Protein backbone atom coordinates (compact mmCIF):
# COMPACT_ATOMS: atom_id res chain seq x y z
CA MET A 1 -57.59 87.30 70.79
CA ARG A 2 -55.40 88.92 68.24
CA PRO A 3 -51.97 88.14 66.73
CA PRO A 4 -49.90 91.33 65.84
CA LEU A 5 -51.42 93.31 62.97
CA ALA A 6 -54.33 90.82 62.68
CA PRO A 7 -57.98 91.85 62.75
CA PRO A 8 -59.92 90.95 65.88
CA MET A 9 -60.37 87.32 66.40
CA VAL A 10 -62.83 84.98 68.41
CA ALA A 11 -62.72 81.33 69.65
CA HIS A 12 -65.77 79.91 67.86
CA VAL A 13 -67.47 77.32 69.85
CA LEU A 14 -70.73 75.45 68.94
CA LEU A 15 -73.37 74.16 71.26
CA LEU A 16 -75.63 71.41 69.87
CA GLU A 17 -78.86 70.35 71.33
CA ARG A 18 -79.46 66.65 70.75
CA PRO A 19 -82.01 64.15 72.08
CA ASP A 20 -79.48 62.54 74.26
CA GLY A 21 -78.00 65.82 75.73
CA LEU A 22 -75.85 68.69 74.78
CA VAL A 23 -72.78 68.59 72.64
CA LEU A 24 -69.93 71.15 72.35
CA VAL A 25 -67.71 71.61 69.29
CA ASP A 26 -64.47 72.97 70.81
CA THR A 27 -64.31 74.65 74.12
CA GLY A 28 -62.09 77.75 73.96
CA PHE A 29 -60.38 78.68 77.15
CA GLY A 30 -61.61 77.23 80.45
CA THR A 31 -62.03 78.59 83.96
CA ALA A 32 -58.78 77.03 85.02
CA ASP A 33 -56.95 78.90 82.31
CA LEU A 34 -58.20 82.06 83.77
CA ALA A 35 -57.28 81.02 87.35
CA ASP A 36 -53.75 80.10 86.28
CA ARG A 37 -52.96 82.34 83.21
CA LYS A 38 -49.24 81.48 83.31
CA ARG A 39 -49.89 77.92 82.17
CA LEU A 40 -50.82 79.30 78.85
CA GLY A 41 -47.24 80.39 78.44
CA ARG A 42 -45.73 83.86 78.00
CA PRO A 43 -45.10 83.48 74.19
CA PHE A 44 -48.83 82.67 73.57
CA LEU A 45 -49.99 85.51 75.94
CA THR A 46 -47.73 88.04 74.28
CA MET A 47 -48.33 87.14 70.78
CA VAL A 48 -52.10 86.42 70.81
CA ARG A 49 -53.10 88.64 73.70
CA PRO A 50 -56.33 86.75 74.61
CA ALA A 51 -59.21 88.55 76.40
CA LEU A 52 -59.64 86.04 79.23
CA ASP A 53 -63.16 86.72 80.46
CA ALA A 54 -64.91 84.44 82.67
CA ALA A 55 -68.36 85.31 81.13
CA GLU A 56 -67.02 84.20 77.79
CA THR A 57 -65.99 80.69 78.74
CA ALA A 58 -68.01 77.74 77.39
CA VAL A 59 -69.31 76.83 80.78
CA ALA A 60 -70.64 80.30 81.45
CA GLN A 61 -72.17 80.56 78.04
CA VAL A 62 -73.99 77.23 78.57
CA ARG A 63 -75.39 78.51 81.80
CA ALA A 64 -76.29 81.78 80.26
CA LEU A 65 -78.47 79.87 77.72
CA GLY A 66 -80.41 78.30 80.57
CA HIS A 67 -78.77 74.88 80.55
CA ASP A 68 -76.92 72.93 83.25
CA PRO A 69 -73.38 72.22 82.25
CA ALA A 70 -73.92 68.58 83.45
CA GLU A 71 -76.16 68.18 80.39
CA VAL A 72 -73.05 68.44 78.17
CA THR A 73 -72.47 64.69 77.42
CA ASP A 74 -69.94 64.91 74.68
CA ILE A 75 -67.24 67.44 73.47
CA VAL A 76 -65.97 67.00 69.90
CA LEU A 77 -62.64 68.82 69.30
CA THR A 78 -61.09 69.99 66.05
CA HIS A 79 -57.73 69.74 67.71
CA LEU A 80 -56.12 70.07 71.16
CA ASP A 81 -54.35 73.53 70.83
CA LEU A 82 -54.54 75.40 74.11
CA ASP A 83 -57.27 77.85 72.75
CA HIS A 84 -59.48 75.05 71.66
CA ALA A 85 -59.15 72.41 74.55
CA GLY A 86 -58.98 74.68 77.59
CA GLY A 87 -62.64 74.29 78.59
CA ILE A 88 -62.89 70.54 78.62
CA GLY A 89 -62.01 70.51 82.51
CA ASP A 90 -65.18 72.38 83.06
CA PHE A 91 -67.27 69.42 81.77
CA PRO A 92 -65.46 66.69 83.60
CA ASN A 93 -68.07 64.04 82.84
CA ALA A 94 -68.20 64.54 79.06
CA ARG A 95 -66.72 62.25 76.55
CA ILE A 96 -63.99 63.89 74.63
CA HIS A 97 -64.04 63.11 71.00
CA VAL A 98 -60.78 63.79 69.02
CA HIS A 99 -58.84 62.28 66.24
CA ALA A 100 -56.48 59.54 67.43
CA THR A 101 -53.39 61.24 65.68
CA GLU A 102 -54.17 64.44 67.52
CA LEU A 103 -54.38 62.91 70.90
CA GLY A 104 -51.15 61.13 70.33
CA ALA A 105 -49.48 64.42 69.35
CA ALA A 106 -50.83 66.20 72.58
CA LYS A 107 -49.76 63.48 74.90
CA ARG A 108 -46.38 62.90 73.25
CA PRO A 109 -45.49 66.23 71.63
CA THR A 110 -42.22 66.90 69.83
CA LEU A 111 -40.07 69.81 71.01
CA ARG A 112 -41.76 72.20 68.52
CA GLU A 113 -45.27 71.08 69.62
CA LYS A 114 -44.90 71.37 73.34
CA ALA A 115 -45.84 75.00 73.53
CA ARG A 116 -49.16 74.54 71.85
CA TYR A 117 -50.53 71.84 74.25
CA VAL A 118 -51.17 72.41 77.83
CA GLN A 119 -51.26 69.06 79.69
CA GLY A 120 -53.07 70.66 82.62
CA GLN A 121 -56.15 71.10 80.57
CA TRP A 122 -56.83 67.39 80.57
CA ALA A 123 -55.23 66.53 83.92
CA HIS A 124 -58.69 65.43 85.24
CA HIS A 125 -58.23 62.26 83.07
CA PRO A 126 -61.33 62.69 80.77
CA LEU A 127 -62.92 59.86 78.94
CA TRP A 128 -61.31 60.04 75.59
CA ALA A 129 -63.14 58.79 72.35
CA GLU A 130 -60.30 58.42 69.65
CA HIS A 131 -61.44 58.41 66.09
CA ARG A 132 -59.58 57.33 62.93
CA GLU A 133 -60.31 57.56 59.14
CA GLY A 134 -62.69 54.89 58.09
CA GLY A 135 -64.64 54.16 55.04
CA ASP A 136 -67.04 56.90 55.37
CA ASP A 137 -67.14 59.81 52.95
CA TRP A 138 -68.57 63.34 53.42
CA PHE A 139 -68.60 65.51 50.23
CA GLY A 140 -65.59 63.71 49.00
CA PHE A 141 -63.64 64.01 52.28
CA ALA A 142 -62.61 61.04 54.48
CA SER A 143 -64.80 61.17 57.68
CA VAL A 144 -65.69 59.30 60.70
CA LYS A 145 -69.01 59.48 62.65
CA ALA A 146 -68.44 61.08 66.09
CA LEU A 147 -72.21 60.93 67.03
CA ALA A 148 -74.32 59.12 64.70
CA ASP A 149 -74.52 60.62 61.27
CA ASP A 150 -75.35 64.16 62.32
CA VAL A 151 -71.96 65.00 63.85
CA VAL A 152 -69.03 63.96 61.67
CA ILE A 153 -65.21 64.41 62.19
CA VAL A 154 -63.63 65.41 58.93
CA PRO A 155 -59.78 64.97 58.89
CA LEU A 156 -58.16 68.18 57.84
CA HIS A 157 -54.46 67.66 58.98
CA GLY A 158 -51.70 70.30 58.66
CA HIS A 159 -52.27 72.91 61.34
CA THR A 160 -51.62 70.13 63.74
CA ARG A 161 -50.76 66.31 63.25
CA GLY A 162 -54.53 65.28 63.81
CA HIS A 163 -56.35 68.58 63.10
CA SER A 164 -59.83 67.92 61.86
CA GLY A 165 -63.12 69.69 61.17
CA VAL A 166 -66.43 68.95 62.62
CA ALA A 167 -69.46 68.83 60.32
CA VAL A 168 -72.95 69.31 62.02
CA ARG A 169 -76.19 68.49 60.23
CA ARG A 170 -78.56 71.49 60.46
CA PRO A 171 -82.29 71.23 61.16
CA ASP A 172 -82.98 72.26 57.46
CA GLY A 173 -80.85 69.33 56.17
CA GLY A 174 -77.89 71.36 55.29
CA TRP A 175 -74.46 71.11 56.94
CA LEU A 176 -72.36 73.48 59.06
CA LEU A 177 -68.57 72.60 58.91
CA HIS A 178 -66.57 73.97 61.79
CA ALA A 179 -63.20 73.69 60.16
CA GLY A 180 -61.18 74.82 63.17
CA ASP A 181 -57.89 76.32 62.27
CA ALA A 182 -57.85 74.91 58.60
CA PHE A 183 -58.00 78.60 57.84
CA PHE A 184 -58.24 81.73 59.81
CA HIS A 185 -60.19 84.25 57.74
CA GLY A 186 -63.63 83.89 55.97
CA ASP A 187 -62.20 85.29 52.75
CA GLN A 188 -60.00 82.26 52.41
CA VAL A 189 -62.99 80.36 51.22
CA ALA A 190 -64.68 83.13 49.29
CA GLU A 191 -64.40 83.81 45.55
CA PRO A 192 -61.88 85.00 44.95
CA PRO A 193 -60.10 84.00 48.01
CA GLY A 194 -57.95 86.36 50.12
CA CYS A 195 -56.37 86.84 53.54
CA PRO A 196 -54.63 89.59 55.57
CA ALA A 197 -50.76 89.02 55.14
CA SER A 198 -50.35 88.89 59.00
CA LEU A 199 -52.81 85.92 59.21
CA ALA A 200 -51.20 84.19 56.20
CA ALA A 201 -47.83 84.41 57.84
CA PHE A 202 -49.31 83.23 61.20
CA GLN A 203 -50.89 80.14 59.61
CA ARG A 204 -47.74 79.08 57.91
CA MET A 205 -45.86 79.54 61.17
CA MET A 206 -48.16 77.55 63.28
CA ALA A 207 -48.58 74.67 60.77
CA VAL A 208 -46.81 71.38 61.55
CA ASP A 209 -47.26 70.37 57.90
CA ASN A 210 -47.90 73.53 55.80
CA LYS A 211 -48.07 71.51 52.45
CA ALA A 212 -51.02 69.37 53.88
CA ARG A 213 -52.68 72.50 55.41
CA VAL A 214 -52.62 74.31 52.04
CA ALA A 215 -53.84 71.16 50.24
CA ASN A 216 -56.76 70.82 52.76
CA LEU A 217 -57.50 74.63 52.33
CA GLU A 218 -57.74 74.20 48.59
CA ARG A 219 -60.29 71.26 49.09
CA LEU A 220 -62.29 73.57 51.38
CA GLN A 221 -62.31 76.33 48.82
CA GLU A 222 -63.65 73.83 46.16
CA LEU A 223 -66.31 72.62 48.77
CA ALA A 224 -67.54 76.23 49.34
CA ARG A 225 -67.67 76.76 45.48
CA SER A 226 -69.33 73.49 44.62
CA HIS A 227 -71.61 73.00 47.53
CA GLY A 228 -72.13 76.37 49.10
CA ASP A 229 -75.86 75.90 48.98
CA GLU A 230 -75.55 72.81 51.10
CA VAL A 231 -72.65 73.46 53.36
CA THR A 232 -71.61 76.54 55.35
CA VAL A 233 -67.86 76.51 56.00
CA ILE A 234 -66.66 78.51 59.00
CA CYS A 235 -63.42 78.56 60.86
CA ALA A 236 -62.52 79.06 64.61
CA HIS A 237 -61.40 82.59 64.73
CA ASP A 238 -63.10 84.68 62.12
CA LYS A 239 -65.21 87.33 63.96
CA GLY A 240 -67.06 88.24 60.74
CA GLN A 241 -68.29 84.78 60.27
CA TYR A 242 -69.25 84.53 64.05
CA ASP A 243 -71.30 87.73 63.83
CA ALA A 244 -72.98 86.67 60.70
CA LEU A 245 -74.09 83.26 62.28
CA ARG A 246 -75.22 84.88 65.50
CA GLY A 247 -77.38 87.31 63.50
């Protein structure tokens, strides 16, 4: 997908293999979105121009890796924007972990928020697992454990009311932080930080609380500077980060 004048973008989804089953972090678009593209809304389709390819859906990718989609027991979402939550209907028996504030925003959106949430994406009435800030701490960030201590929800509000990152412990003991839409370009957490002007404007436009978004971005920049040897910080849509991790 690609907003006007922006570099090519991806919808970065993680698949985790855990002893109890498979876990997805975000889901991108789902098969029902491809079957009924109109439900994504003309403004989104016109501005973002997503490449809606059945082979790129999360369920197809899970199968391509040799897994049965029924093995996906849990889905942990950064937020419920239509390009992140579209695939949850393809895993109808999975528990859907999300920040409680985000679920409240999606179920009861303001007039401004209505276009970003597609109620049909969770019309199958999934089993929601709501999470709220607790007493846990993750590298100085408030956090809650979504699945034991190796999959952690890190509140990064601003892009949406309940937007969060999802931190995953890697086999080597380090961490991968999927920061969702807390930023859109990898250079935003580089030194020195940078971002194409078109994406900078798009982030401001999409934020429900831009002051909070900027504050959390600054905290992520500090995390990358101070703990870059322990934590790899990625966003949902940077193709360069995606290609680097795949390689």
